[in-house]
Amino acid sequence: LVADTSSRLELAGAWCYQHGRLPLPAATARALSLQGRSIGDYIVNKLV
């Protein structure tokens, strides 16, 4: 969910994913796992 707990943007993205009920397809989750990225980083990039 969060890779860098000191990043406020990543924490904000994780909060939006958890409380905003944003979808995360299985293919996207697999791609994030293979690249070592967190869900918070992915969501905050989309929002920004």
PDB file of all heavy atoms in Angstrom:
ATOM      1  N   LEU A   1       0.829  -1.205   0.000  1.00  0.00           N
ATOM      2  CA  LEU A   1       0.000   0.000   0.000  1.00  0.00           C
ATOM      3  C   LEU A   1       0.861   1.253   0.000  1.00  0.00           C
ATOM      4  O   LEU A   1       0.602   2.205  -0.751  1.00  0.00           O
ATOM      5  CB  LEU A   1      -0.929  -0.018   1.222  1.00  0.00           C
ATOM      6  CG  LEU A   1      -1.991   1.089   1.283  1.00  0.00           C
ATOM      7  CD1 LEU A   1      -2.925   0.992   0.090  1.00  0.00           C
ATOM      8  CD2 LEU A   1      -2.775   0.982   2.581  1.00  0.00           C
ATOM      9  N   VAL A   2       1.894   1.282   0.830  1.00  0.00           N
ATOM     10  CA  VAL A   2       2.803   2.427   0.919  1.00  0.00           C
ATOM     11  C   VAL A   2       4.220   1.877   1.021  1.00  0.00           C
ATOM     12  O   VAL A   2       4.499   1.005   1.839  1.00  0.00           O
ATOM     13  CB  VAL A   2       2.491   3.319   2.144  1.00  0.00           C
ATOM     14  CG1 VAL A   2       3.501   4.437   2.251  1.00  0.00           C
ATOM     15  CG2 VAL A   2       1.089   3.896   2.031  1.00  0.00           C
ATOM     16  N   ALA A   3       5.117   2.400   0.186  1.00  0.00           N
ATOM     17  CA  ALA A   3       6.514   1.989   0.236  1.00  0.00           C
ATOM     18  C   ALA A   3       7.358   2.945   1.065  1.00  0.00           C
ATOM     19  O   ALA A   3       8.240   2.525   1.806  1.00  0.00           O
ATOM     20  CB  ALA A   3       7.088   1.880  -1.184  1.00  0.00           C
ATOM     21  N   ASP A   4       7.094   4.227   0.954  1.00  0.00           N
ATOM     22  CA  ASP A   4       7.841   5.251   1.684  1.00  0.00           C
ATOM     23  C   ASP A   4       6.879   5.963   2.634  1.00  0.00           C
ATOM     24  O   ASP A   4       6.081   6.805   2.211  1.00  0.00           O
ATOM     25  CB  ASP A   4       8.481   6.242   0.713  1.00  0.00           C
ATOM     26  CG  ASP A   4       9.367   7.269   1.421  1.00  0.00           C
ATOM     27  OD1 ASP A   4       9.598   7.104   2.636  1.00  0.00           O
ATOM     28  OD2 ASP A   4       9.818   8.223   0.758  1.00  0.00           O
ATOM     29  N   THR A   5       6.935   5.616   3.910  1.00  0.00           N
ATOM     30  CA  THR A   5       6.010   6.201   4.878  1.00  0.00           C
ATOM     31  C   THR A   5       6.293   7.672   5.161  1.00  0.00           C
ATOM     32  O   THR A   5       5.467   8.356   5.762  1.00  0.00           O
ATOM     33  CB  THR A   5       6.056   5.409   6.199  1.00  0.00           C
ATOM     34  OG1 THR A   5       7.411   5.379   6.683  1.00  0.00           O
ATOM     35  CG2 THR A   5       5.564   3.980   5.989  1.00  0.00           C
ATOM     36  N   SER A   6       7.440   8.170   4.739  1.00  0.00           N
ATOM     37  CA  SER A   6       7.758   9.580   4.952  1.00  0.00           C
ATOM     38  C   SER A   6       7.231  10.474   3.834  1.00  0.00           C
ATOM     39  O   SER A   6       7.305  11.702   3.951  1.00  0.00           O
ATOM     40  CB  SER A   6       9.271   9.770   5.072  1.00  0.00           C
ATOM     41  OG  SER A   6       9.926   9.382   3.874  1.00  0.00           O
ATOM     42  N   SER A   7       6.719   9.892   2.768  1.00  0.00           N
ATOM     43  CA  SER A   7       6.199  10.665   1.637  1.00  0.00           C
ATOM     44  C   SER A   7       4.723  10.982   1.887  1.00  0.00           C
ATOM     45  O   SER A   7       3.874  10.080   1.935  1.00  0.00           O
ATOM     46  CB  SER A   7       6.364   9.876   0.341  1.00  0.00           C
ATOM     47  OG  SER A   7       5.756  10.557  -0.732  1.00  0.00           O
ATOM     48  N   ARG A   8       4.430  12.256   2.037  1.00  0.00           N
ATOM     49  CA  ARG A   8       3.049  12.657   2.282  1.00  0.00           C
ATOM     50  C   ARG A   8       2.166  12.427   1.055  1.00  0.00           C
ATOM     51  O   ARG A   8       0.991  12.093   1.181  1.00  0.00           O
ATOM     52  CB  ARG A   8       3.002  14.125   2.698  1.00  0.00           C
ATOM     53  CG  ARG A   8       3.682  14.411   4.036  1.00  0.00           C
ATOM     54  CD  ARG A   8       3.502  15.861   4.446  1.00  0.00           C
ATOM     55  NE  ARG A   8       4.127  16.121   5.751  1.00  0.00           N
ATOM     56  CZ  ARG A   8       4.122  17.295   6.362  1.00  0.00           C
ATOM     57  NH1 ARG A   8       3.529  18.345   5.777  1.00  0.00           N
ATOM     58  NH2 ARG A   8       4.699  17.437   7.545  1.00  0.00           N
ATOM     59  N   LEU A   9       2.729  12.630  -0.136  1.00  0.00           N
ATOM     60  CA  LEU A   9       1.950  12.401  -1.344  1.00  0.00           C
ATOM     61  C   LEU A   9       1.561  10.926  -1.465  1.00  0.00           C
ATOM     62  O   LEU A   9       0.424  10.599  -1.812  1.00  0.00           O
ATOM     63  CB  LEU A   9       2.750  12.834  -2.571  1.00  0.00           C
ATOM     64  CG  LEU A   9       2.893  14.336  -2.803  1.00  0.00           C
ATOM     65  CD1 LEU A   9       3.781  14.610  -4.006  1.00  0.00           C
ATOM     66  CD2 LEU A   9       1.524  14.977  -3.002  1.00  0.00           C
ATOM     67  N   GLU A  10       2.510  10.037  -1.167  1.00  0.00           N
ATOM     68  CA  GLU A  10       2.205   8.615  -1.247  1.00  0.00           C
ATOM     69  C   GLU A  10       1.181   8.204  -0.199  1.00  0.00           C
ATOM     70  O   GLU A  10       0.285   7.389  -0.465  1.00  0.00           O
ATOM     71  CB  GLU A  10       3.490   7.814  -1.085  1.00  0.00           C
ATOM     72  CG  GLU A  10       3.354   6.354  -1.462  1.00  0.00           C
ATOM     73  CD  GLU A  10       4.696   5.649  -1.531  1.00  0.00           C
ATOM     74  OE1 GLU A  10       5.728   6.353  -1.519  1.00  0.00           O
ATOM     75  OE2 GLU A  10       4.709   4.408  -1.582  1.00  0.00           O
ATOM     76  N   LEU A  11       1.286   8.771   0.986  1.00  0.00           N
ATOM     77  CA  LEU A  11       0.284   8.495   2.026  1.00  0.00           C
ATOM     78  C   LEU A  11      -1.079   9.022   1.614  1.00  0.00           C
ATOM     79  O   LEU A  11      -2.109   8.379   1.872  1.00  0.00           O
ATOM     80  CB  LEU A  11       0.723   9.131   3.345  1.00  0.00           C
ATOM     81  CG  LEU A  11       1.959   8.511   4.018  1.00  0.00           C
ATOM     82  CD1 LEU A  11       2.378   9.332   5.233  1.00  0.00           C
ATOM     83  CD2 LEU A  11       1.679   7.072   4.430  1.00  0.00           C
ATOM     84  N   ALA A  12      -1.105  10.197   0.963  1.00  0.00           N
ATOM     85  CA  ALA A  12      -2.378  10.744   0.489  1.00  0.00           C
ATOM     86  C   ALA A  12      -2.982   9.850  -0.586  1.00  0.00           C
ATOM     87  O   ALA A  12      -4.199   9.618  -0.613  1.00  0.00           O
ATOM     88  CB  ALA A  12      -2.181  12.163  -0.048  1.00  0.00           C
ATOM     89  N   GLY A  13      -2.145   9.327  -1.490  1.00  0.00           N
ATOM     90  CA  GLY A  13      -2.652   8.410  -2.498  1.00  0.00           C
ATOM     91  C   GLY A  13      -3.199   7.132  -1.899  1.00  0.00           C
ATOM     92  O   GLY A  13      -4.240   6.624  -2.331  1.00  0.00           O
ATOM     93  N   ALA A  14      -2.520   6.605  -0.872  1.00  0.00           N
ATOM     94  CA  ALA A  14      -3.019   5.399  -0.204  1.00  0.00           C
ATOM     95  C   ALA A  14      -4.339   5.681   0.503  1.00  0.00           C
ATOM     96  O   ALA A  14      -5.248   4.839   0.502  1.00  0.00           O
ATOM     97  CB  ALA A  14      -1.973   4.891   0.786  1.00  0.00           C
ATOM     98  N   TRP A  15      -4.459   6.879   1.113  1.00  0.00           N
ATOM     99  CA  TRP A  15      -5.710   7.219   1.795  1.00  0.00           C
ATOM    100  C   TRP A  15      -6.856   7.332   0.795  1.00  0.00           C
ATOM    101  O   TRP A  15      -7.970   6.856   1.054  1.00  0.00           O
ATOM    102  CB  TRP A  15      -5.534   8.543   2.536  1.00  0.00           C
ATOM    103  CG  TRP A  15      -6.726   8.933   3.355  1.00  0.00           C
ATOM    104  CD1 TRP A  15      -6.988   8.610   4.655  1.00  0.00           C
ATOM    105  CD2 TRP A  15      -7.854   9.712   2.917  1.00  0.00           C
ATOM    106  NE1 TRP A  15      -8.186   9.139   5.056  1.00  0.00           N
ATOM    107  CE2 TRP A  15      -8.745   9.824   4.009  1.00  0.00           C
ATOM    108  CE3 TRP A  15      -8.175  10.327   1.718  1.00  0.00           C
ATOM    109  CZ2 TRP A  15      -9.943  10.517   3.919  1.00  0.00           C
ATOM    110  CZ3 TRP A  15      -9.377  11.010   1.618  1.00  0.00           C
ATOM    111  CH2 TRP A  15     -10.238  11.109   2.715  1.00  0.00           C
ATOM    112  N   CYS A  16      -6.600   7.941  -0.361  1.00  0.00           N
ATOM    113  CA  CYS A  16      -7.639   8.055  -1.389  1.00  0.00           C
ATOM    114  C   CYS A  16      -8.049   6.680  -1.913  1.00  0.00           C
ATOM    115  O   CYS A  16      -9.228   6.431  -2.174  1.00  0.00           O
ATOM    116  CB  CYS A  16      -7.152   8.932  -2.540  1.00  0.00           C
ATOM    117  SG  CYS A  16      -6.946  10.678  -2.121  1.00  0.00           S
ATOM    118  N   TYR A  17      -7.076   5.770  -2.030  1.00  0.00           N
ATOM    119  CA  TYR A  17      -7.402   4.427  -2.505  1.00  0.00           C
ATOM    120  C   TYR A  17      -8.253   3.672  -1.488  1.00  0.00           C
ATOM    121  O   TYR A  17      -9.215   2.988  -1.856  1.00  0.00           O
ATOM    122  CB  TYR A  17      -6.117   3.658  -2.787  1.00  0.00           C
ATOM    123  CG  TYR A  17      -6.336   2.186  -3.035  1.00  0.00           C
ATOM    124  CD1 TYR A  17      -6.899   1.735  -4.225  1.00  0.00           C
ATOM    125  CD2 TYR A  17      -5.989   1.239  -2.063  1.00  0.00           C
ATOM    126  CE1 TYR A  17      -7.110   0.394  -4.438  1.00  0.00           C
ATOM    127  CE2 TYR A  17      -6.191  -0.107  -2.286  1.00  0.00           C
ATOM    128  CZ  TYR A  17      -6.751  -0.535  -3.471  1.00  0.00           C
ATOM    129  OH  TYR A  17      -6.968  -1.868  -3.683  1.00  0.00           O
ATOM    130  N   GLN A  18      -7.928   3.807  -0.211  1.00  0.00           N
ATOM    131  CA  GLN A  18      -8.653   3.070   0.813  1.00  0.00           C
ATOM    132  C   GLN A  18     -10.046   3.639   1.052  1.00  0.00           C
ATOM    133  O   GLN A  18     -11.020   2.889   1.166  1.00  0.00           O
ATOM    134  CB  GLN A  18      -7.858   3.075   2.118  1.00  0.00           C
ATOM    135  CG  GLN A  18      -6.628   2.173   2.098  1.00  0.00           C
ATOM    136  CD  GLN A  18      -5.903   2.183   3.424  1.00  0.00           C
ATOM    137  OE1 GLN A  18      -5.616   3.241   3.980  1.00  0.00           O
ATOM    138  NE2 GLN A  18      -5.598   1.001   3.939  1.00  0.00           N
ATOM    139  N   HIS A  19     -10.161   4.969   1.136  1.00  0.00           N
ATOM    140  CA  HIS A  19     -11.429   5.586   1.507  1.00  0.00           C
ATOM    141  C   HIS A  19     -12.262   6.031   0.311  1.00  0.00           C
ATOM    142  O   HIS A  19     -13.465   6.239   0.444  1.00  0.00           O
ATOM    143  CB  HIS A  19     -11.175   6.792   2.413  1.00  0.00           C
ATOM    144  CG  HIS A  19     -10.515   6.439   3.712  1.00  0.00           C
ATOM    145  ND1 HIS A  19      -9.140   6.327   3.835  1.00  0.00           N
ATOM    146  CD2 HIS A  19     -11.025   6.167   4.933  1.00  0.00           C
ATOM    147  CE1 HIS A  19      -8.837   5.998   5.079  1.00  0.00           C
ATOM    148  NE2 HIS A  19      -9.955   5.894   5.765  1.00  0.00           N
ATOM    149  N   GLY A  20     -11.625   6.205  -0.845  1.00  0.00           N
ATOM    150  CA  GLY A  20     -12.377   6.609  -2.028  1.00  0.00           C
ATOM    151  C   GLY A  20     -12.882   5.451  -2.845  1.00  0.00           C
ATOM    152  O   GLY A  20     -13.542   5.669  -3.869  1.00  0.00           O
ATOM    153  N   ARG A  21     -12.573   4.216  -2.440  1.00  0.00           N
ATOM    154  CA  ARG A  21     -13.040   3.015  -3.136  1.00  0.00           C
ATOM    155  C   ARG A  21     -12.636   3.054  -4.605  1.00  0.00           C
ATOM    156  O   ARG A  21     -13.428   2.761  -5.508  1.00  0.00           O
ATOM    157  CB  ARG A  21     -14.548   2.852  -3.003  1.00  0.00           C
ATOM    158  CG  ARG A  21     -15.034   2.806  -1.566  1.00  0.00           C
ATOM    159  CD  ARG A  21     -16.525   2.638  -1.453  1.00  0.00           C
ATOM    160  NE  ARG A  21     -16.959   2.656  -0.068  1.00  0.00           N
ATOM    161  CZ  ARG A  21     -18.218   2.528   0.311  1.00  0.00           C
ATOM    162  NH1 ARG A  21     -19.174   2.360  -0.591  1.00  0.00           N
ATOM    163  NH2 ARG A  21     -18.537   2.556   1.593  1.00  0.00           N
ATOM    164  N   LEU A  22     -11.398   3.439  -4.864  1.00  0.00           N
ATOM    165  CA  LEU A  22     -10.899   3.502  -6.228  1.00  0.00           C
ATOM    166  C   LEU A  22     -10.567   2.100  -6.715  1.00  0.00           C
ATOM    167  O   LEU A  22     -10.038   1.282  -5.971  1.00  0.00           O
ATOM    168  CB  LEU A  22      -9.652   4.389  -6.293  1.00  0.00           C
ATOM    169  CG  LEU A  22      -9.857   5.842  -5.865  1.00  0.00           C
ATOM    170  CD1 LEU A  22      -8.533   6.596  -5.925  1.00  0.00           C
ATOM    171  CD2 LEU A  22     -10.885   6.526  -6.750  1.00  0.00           C
ATOM    172  N   PRO A  23     -10.876   1.788  -7.963  1.00  0.00           N
ATOM    173  CA  PRO A  23     -10.633   0.431  -8.475  1.00  0.00           C
ATOM    174  C   PRO A  23      -9.154   0.190  -8.744  1.00  0.00           C
ATOM    175  O   PRO A  23      -8.402   1.105  -9.074  1.00  0.00           O
ATOM    176  CB  PRO A  23     -11.447   0.406  -9.778  1.00  0.00           C
ATOM    177  CG  PRO A  23     -11.478   1.836 -10.233  1.00  0.00           C
ATOM    178  CD  PRO A  23     -11.522   2.668  -8.962  1.00  0.00           C
ATOM    179  N   LEU A  24      -8.750  -1.060  -8.609  1.00  0.00           N
ATOM    180  CA  LEU A  24      -7.386  -1.472  -8.924  1.00  0.00           C
ATOM    181  C   LEU A  24      -7.480  -2.825  -9.634  1.00  0.00           C
ATOM    182  O   LEU A  24      -7.577  -3.868  -8.981  1.00  0.00           O
ATOM    183  CB  LEU A  24      -6.524  -1.578  -7.667  1.00  0.00           C
ATOM    184  CG  LEU A  24      -5.043  -1.880  -7.907  1.00  0.00           C
ATOM    185  CD1 LEU A  24      -4.368  -0.694  -8.581  1.00  0.00           C
ATOM    186  CD2 LEU A  24      -4.338  -2.202  -6.596  1.00  0.00           C
ATOM    187  N   PRO A  25      -7.462  -2.830 -10.971  1.00  0.00           N
ATOM    188  CA  PRO A  25      -7.576  -4.107 -11.697  1.00  0.00           C
ATOM    189  C   PRO A  25      -6.434  -5.054 -11.357  1.00  0.00           C
ATOM    190  O   PRO A  25      -5.345  -4.635 -10.932  1.00  0.00           O
ATOM    191  CB  PRO A  25      -7.527  -3.672 -13.177  1.00  0.00           C
ATOM    192  CG  PRO A  25      -7.909  -2.223 -13.175  1.00  0.00           C
ATOM    193  CD  PRO A  25      -7.413  -1.674 -11.867  1.00  0.00           C
ATOM    194  N   ALA A  26      -6.702  -6.324 -11.563  1.00  0.00           N
ATOM    195  CA  ALA A  26      -5.689  -7.344 -11.249  1.00  0.00           C
ATOM    196  C   ALA A  26      -4.445  -7.177 -12.117  1.00  0.00           C
ATOM    197  O   ALA A  26      -3.326  -7.370 -11.639  1.00  0.00           O
ATOM    198  CB  ALA A  26      -6.288  -8.740 -11.446  1.00  0.00           C
ATOM    199  N   ALA A  27      -4.611  -6.806 -13.397  1.00  0.00           N
ATOM    200  CA  ALA A  27      -3.450  -6.610 -14.270  1.00  0.00           C
ATOM    201  C   ALA A  27      -2.595  -5.445 -13.782  1.00  0.00           C
ATOM    202  O   ALA A  27      -1.359  -5.507 -13.839  1.00  0.00           O
ATOM    203  CB  ALA A  27      -3.915  -6.360 -15.710  1.00  0.00           C
ATOM    204  N   THR A  28      -3.242  -4.397 -13.294  1.00  0.00           N
ATOM    205  CA  THR A  28      -2.490  -3.255 -12.771  1.00  0.00           C
ATOM    206  C   THR A  28      -1.743  -3.631 -11.498  1.00  0.00           C
ATOM    207  O   THR A  28      -0.580  -3.242 -11.302  1.00  0.00           O
ATOM    208  CB  THR A  28      -3.436  -2.080 -12.505  1.00  0.00           C
ATOM    209  OG1 THR A  28      -4.111  -1.729 -13.718  1.00  0.00           O
ATOM    210  CG2 THR A  28      -2.679  -0.871 -11.989  1.00  0.00           C
ATOM    211  N   ALA A  29      -2.400  -4.383 -10.609  1.00  0.00           N
ATOM    212  CA  ALA A  29      -1.738  -4.825  -9.382  1.00  0.00           C
ATOM    213  C   ALA A  29      -0.529  -5.700  -9.692  1.00  0.00           C
ATOM    214  O   ALA A  29       0.524  -5.593  -9.047  1.00  0.00           O
ATOM    215  CB  ALA A  29      -2.733  -5.582  -8.497  1.00  0.00           C
ATOM    216  N   ARG A  30      -0.661  -6.559 -10.696  1.00  0.00           N
ATOM    217  CA  ARG A  30       0.472  -7.410 -11.085  1.00  0.00           C
ATOM    218  C   ARG A  30       1.618  -6.563 -11.628  1.00  0.00           C
ATOM    219  O   ARG A  30       2.788  -6.799 -11.294  1.00  0.00           O
ATOM    220  CB  ARG A  30       0.011  -8.410 -12.144  1.00  0.00           C
ATOM    221  CG  ARG A  30       1.135  -9.244 -12.723  1.00  0.00           C
ATOM    222  CD  ARG A  30       0.618 -10.222 -13.775  1.00  0.00           C
ATOM    223  NE  ARG A  30       1.724 -10.945 -14.386  1.00  0.00           N
ATOM    224  CZ  ARG A  30       2.397 -10.533 -15.442  1.00  0.00           C
ATOM    225  NH1 ARG A  30       2.070  -9.378 -16.013  1.00  0.00           N
ATOM    226  NH2 ARG A  30       3.383 -11.246 -15.948  1.00  0.00           N
ATOM    227  N   ALA A  31       1.296  -5.573 -12.457  1.00  0.00           N
ATOM    228  CA  ALA A  31       2.349  -4.716 -13.015  1.00  0.00           C
ATOM    229  C   ALA A  31       3.058  -3.927 -11.915  1.00  0.00           C
ATOM    230  O   ALA A  31       4.284  -3.769 -11.938  1.00  0.00           O
ATOM    231  CB  ALA A  31       1.757  -3.767 -14.059  1.00  0.00           C
ATOM    232  N   LEU A  32       2.305  -3.440 -10.946  1.00  0.00           N
ATOM    233  CA  LEU A  32       2.917  -2.710  -9.835  1.00  0.00           C
ATOM    234  C   LEU A  32       3.821  -3.622  -9.012  1.00  0.00           C
ATOM    235  O   LEU A  32       4.895  -3.213  -8.554  1.00  0.00           O
ATOM    236  CB  LEU A  32       1.828  -2.101  -8.952  1.00  0.00           C
ATOM    237  CG  LEU A  32       0.991  -0.975  -9.566  1.00  0.00           C
ATOM    238  CD1 LEU A  32      -0.112  -0.553  -8.598  1.00  0.00           C
ATOM    239  CD2 LEU A  32       1.858   0.224  -9.924  1.00  0.00           C
ATOM    240  N   SER A  33       3.400  -4.869  -8.805  1.00  0.00           N
ATOM    241  CA  SER A  33       4.214  -5.804  -8.032  1.00  0.00           C
ATOM    242  C   SER A  33       5.530  -6.112  -8.740  1.00  0.00           C
ATOM    243  O   SER A  33       6.580  -6.176  -8.115  1.00  0.00           O
ATOM    244  CB  SER A  33       3.433  -7.099  -7.788  1.00  0.00           C
ATOM    245  OG  SER A  33       2.257  -6.853  -7.040  1.00  0.00           O
ATOM    246  N   LEU A  34       5.469  -6.290 -10.065  1.00  0.00           N
ATOM    247  CA  LEU A  34       6.675  -6.613 -10.816  1.00  0.00           C
ATOM    248  C   LEU A  34       7.640  -5.427 -10.861  1.00  0.00           C
ATOM    249  O   LEU A  34       8.852  -5.623 -10.979  1.00  0.00           O
ATOM    250  CB  LEU A  34       6.312  -7.039 -12.243  1.00  0.00           C
ATOM    251  CG  LEU A  34       5.612  -8.392 -12.389  1.00  0.00           C
ATOM    252  CD1 LEU A  34       5.291  -8.671 -13.843  1.00  0.00           C
ATOM    253  CD2 LEU A  34       6.477  -9.516 -11.823  1.00  0.00           C
ATOM    254  N   GLN A  35       7.114  -4.206 -10.782  1.00  0.00           N
ATOM    255  CA  GLN A  35       7.973  -3.029 -10.823  1.00  0.00           C
ATOM    256  C   GLN A  35       8.350  -2.533  -9.432  1.00  0.00           C
ATOM    257  O   GLN A  35       9.104  -1.554  -9.321  1.00  0.00           O
ATOM    258  CB  GLN A  35       7.279  -1.910 -11.597  1.00  0.00           C
ATOM    259  CG  GLN A  35       7.032  -2.240 -13.056  1.00  0.00           C
ATOM    260  CD  GLN A  35       6.399  -1.096 -13.823  1.00  0.00           C
ATOM    261  OE1 GLN A  35       6.443   0.052 -13.388  1.00  0.00           O
ATOM    262  NE2 GLN A  35       5.808  -1.397 -14.960  1.00  0.00           N
ATOM    263  N   GLY A  36       7.814  -3.145  -8.388  1.00  0.00           N
ATOM    264  CA  GLY A  36       8.157  -2.742  -7.031  1.00  0.00           C
ATOM    265  C   GLY A  36       7.550  -1.412  -6.626  1.00  0.00           C
ATOM    266  O   GLY A  36       8.096  -0.730  -5.745  1.00  0.00           O
ATOM    267  N   ARG A  37       6.441  -1.018  -7.224  1.00  0.00           N
ATOM    268  CA  ARG A  37       5.780   0.241  -6.893  1.00  0.00           C
ATOM    269  C   ARG A  37       4.613  -0.018  -5.952  1.00  0.00           C
ATOM    270  O   ARG A  37       4.018  -1.102  -5.942  1.00  0.00           O
ATOM    271  CB  ARG A  37       5.275   0.945  -8.151  1.00  0.00           C
ATOM    272  CG  ARG A  37       6.370   1.404  -9.103  1.00  0.00           C
ATOM    273  CD  ARG A  37       5.781   2.081 -10.313  1.00  0.00           C
ATOM    274  NE  ARG A  37       4.914   3.188  -9.940  1.00  0.00           N
ATOM    275  CZ  ARG A  37       4.146   3.846 -10.805  1.00  0.00           C
ATOM    276  NH1 ARG A  37       4.127   3.486 -12.077  1.00  0.00           N
ATOM    277  NH2 ARG A  37       3.394   4.847 -10.393  1.00  0.00           N
ATOM    278  N   SER A  38       4.268   0.994  -5.173  1.00  0.00           N
ATOM    279  CA  SER A  38       3.177   0.869  -4.215  1.00  0.00           C
ATOM    280  C   SER A  38       1.885   1.404  -4.819  1.00  0.00           C
ATOM    281  O   SER A  38       1.890   2.156  -5.810  1.00  0.00           O
ATOM    282  CB  SER A  38       3.508   1.636  -2.927  1.00  0.00           C
ATOM    283  OG  SER A  38       3.596   3.035  -3.198  1.00  0.00           O
ATOM    284  N   ILE A  39       0.781   1.025  -4.199  1.00  0.00           N
ATOM    285  CA  ILE A  39      -0.519   1.505  -4.660  1.00  0.00           C
ATOM    286  C   ILE A  39      -0.644   3.005  -4.433  1.00  0.00           C
ATOM    287  O   ILE A  39      -1.207   3.731  -5.263  1.00  0.00           O
ATOM    288  CB  ILE A  39      -1.639   0.743  -3.932  1.00  0.00           C
ATOM    289  CG1 ILE A  39      -1.557  -0.755  -4.265  1.00  0.00           C
ATOM    290  CG2 ILE A  39      -3.009   1.289  -4.307  1.00  0.00           C
ATOM    291  CD1 ILE A  39      -2.569  -1.597  -3.522  1.00  0.00           C
ATOM    292  N   GLY A  40      -0.117   3.496  -3.309  1.00  0.00           N
ATOM    293  CA  GLY A  40      -0.193   4.926  -3.027  1.00  0.00           C
ATOM    294  C   GLY A  40       0.528   5.755  -4.065  1.00  0.00           C
ATOM    295  O   GLY A  40       0.032   6.809  -4.501  1.00  0.00           O
ATOM    296  N   ASP A  41       1.706   5.309  -4.503  1.00  0.00           N
ATOM    297  CA  ASP A  41       2.446   6.021  -5.536  1.00  0.00           C
ATOM    298  C   ASP A  41       1.676   6.031  -6.852  1.00  0.00           C
ATOM    299  O   ASP A  41       1.625   7.052  -7.556  1.00  0.00           O
ATOM    300  CB  ASP A  41       3.811   5.370  -5.722  1.00  0.00           C
ATOM    301  CG  ASP A  41       4.614   6.006  -6.835  1.00  0.00           C
ATOM    302  OD1 ASP A  41       4.973   7.191  -6.705  1.00  0.00           O
ATOM    303  OD2 ASP A  41       4.885   5.331  -7.840  1.00  0.00           O
ATOM    304  N   TYR A  42       1.064   4.907  -7.203  1.00  0.00           N
ATOM    305  CA  TYR A  42       0.288   4.815  -8.442  1.00  0.00           C
ATOM    306  C   TYR A  42      -0.933   5.739  -8.408  1.00  0.00           C
ATOM    307  O   TYR A  42      -1.195   6.479  -9.362  1.00  0.00           O
ATOM    308  CB  TYR A  42      -0.124   3.357  -8.647  1.00  0.00           C
ATOM    309  CG  TYR A  42      -1.184   3.133  -9.681  1.00  0.00           C
ATOM    310  CD1 TYR A  42      -0.904   3.239 -11.040  1.00  0.00           C
ATOM    311  CD2 TYR A  42      -2.488   2.800  -9.302  1.00  0.00           C
ATOM    312  CE1 TYR A  42      -1.883   3.023 -11.982  1.00  0.00           C
ATOM    313  CE2 TYR A  42      -3.468   2.572 -10.241  1.00  0.00           C
ATOM    314  CZ  TYR A  42      -3.163   2.690 -11.585  1.00  0.00           C
ATOM    315  OH  TYR A  42      -4.150   2.481 -12.520  1.00  0.00           O
ATOM    316  N   ILE A  43      -1.668   5.719  -7.297  1.00  0.00           N
ATOM    317  CA  ILE A  43      -2.880   6.533  -7.211  1.00  0.00           C
ATOM    318  C   ILE A  43      -2.544   8.020  -7.185  1.00  0.00           C
ATOM    319  O   ILE A  43      -3.223   8.845  -7.817  1.00  0.00           O
ATOM    320  CB  ILE A  43      -3.697   6.138  -5.966  1.00  0.00           C
ATOM    321  CG1 ILE A  43      -4.222   4.700  -6.104  1.00  0.00           C
ATOM    322  CG2 ILE A  43      -4.862   7.089  -5.749  1.00  0.00           C
ATOM    323  CD1 ILE A  43      -5.183   4.494  -7.256  1.00  0.00           C
ATOM    324  N   VAL A  44      -1.500   8.410  -6.463  1.00  0.00           N
ATOM    325  CA  VAL A  44      -1.171   9.831  -6.385  1.00  0.00           C
ATOM    326  C   VAL A  44      -0.689  10.342  -7.740  1.00  0.00           C
ATOM    327  O   VAL A  44      -0.942  11.499  -8.102  1.00  0.00           O
ATOM    328  CB  VAL A  44      -0.130  10.080  -5.274  1.00  0.00           C
ATOM    329  CG1 VAL A  44       1.275   9.715  -5.724  1.00  0.00           C
ATOM    330  CG2 VAL A  44      -0.165  11.546  -4.841  1.00  0.00           C
ATOM    331  N   ASN A  45      -0.032   9.497  -8.530  1.00  0.00           N
ATOM    332  CA  ASN A  45       0.340   9.909  -9.882  1.00  0.00           C
ATOM    333  C   ASN A  45      -0.890  10.169 -10.733  1.00  0.00           C
ATOM    334  O   ASN A  45      -0.948  11.157 -11.480  1.00  0.00           O
ATOM    335  CB  ASN A  45       1.209   8.834 -10.544  1.00  0.00           C
ATOM    336  CG  ASN A  45       2.647   8.888 -10.077  1.00  0.00           C
ATOM    337  OD1 ASN A  45       3.109   9.918  -9.580  1.00  0.00           O
ATOM    338  ND2 ASN A  45       3.364   7.799 -10.221  1.00  0.00           N
ATOM    339  N   LYS A  46      -1.881   9.306 -10.621  1.00  0.00           N
ATOM    340  CA  LYS A  46      -3.117   9.507 -11.375  1.00  0.00           C
ATOM    341  C   LYS A  46      -3.824  10.794 -10.944  1.00  0.00           C
ATOM    342  O   LYS A  46      -4.307  11.575 -11.782  1.00  0.00           O
ATOM    343  CB  LYS A  46      -4.045   8.301 -11.187  1.00  0.00           C
ATOM    344  CG  LYS A  46      -3.550   7.018 -11.804  1.00  0.00           C
ATOM    345  CD  LYS A  46      -4.429   5.843 -11.446  1.00  0.00           C
ATOM    346  CE  LYS A  46      -5.769   5.901 -12.164  1.00  0.00           C
ATOM    347  NZ  LYS A  46      -5.647   5.582 -13.598  1.00  0.00           N
ATOM    348  N   LEU A  47      -3.888  11.034  -9.634  1.00  0.00           N
ATOM    349  CA  LEU A  47      -4.585  12.219  -9.142  1.00  0.00           C
ATOM    350  C   LEU A  47      -3.866  13.505  -9.540  1.00  0.00           C
ATOM    351  O   LEU A  47      -4.509  14.477  -9.974  1.00  0.00           O
ATOM    352  CB  LEU A  47      -4.716  12.136  -7.619  1.00  0.00           C
ATOM    353  CG  LEU A  47      -5.649  11.049  -7.076  1.00  0.00           C
ATOM    354  CD1 LEU A  47      -5.601  11.020  -5.556  1.00  0.00           C
ATOM    355  CD2 LEU A  47      -7.082  11.273  -7.547  1.00  0.00           C
ATOM    356  N   VAL A  48      -2.545  13.521  -9.401  1.00  0.00           N
ATOM    357  CA  VAL A  48      -1.786  14.737  -9.738  1.00  0.00           C
ATOM    358  C   VAL A  48      -1.913  15.056 -11.221  1.00  0.00           C
ATOM    359  O   VAL A  48      -2.157  16.208 -11.618  1.00  0.00           O
ATOM    360  CB  VAL A  48      -0.319  14.573  -9.320  1.00  0.00           C
ATOM    361  CG1 VAL A  48       0.538  15.689  -9.900  1.00  0.00           C
ATOM    362  CG2 VAL A  48      -0.201  14.574  -7.800  1.00  0.00           C
TER     363      VAL A  48
END
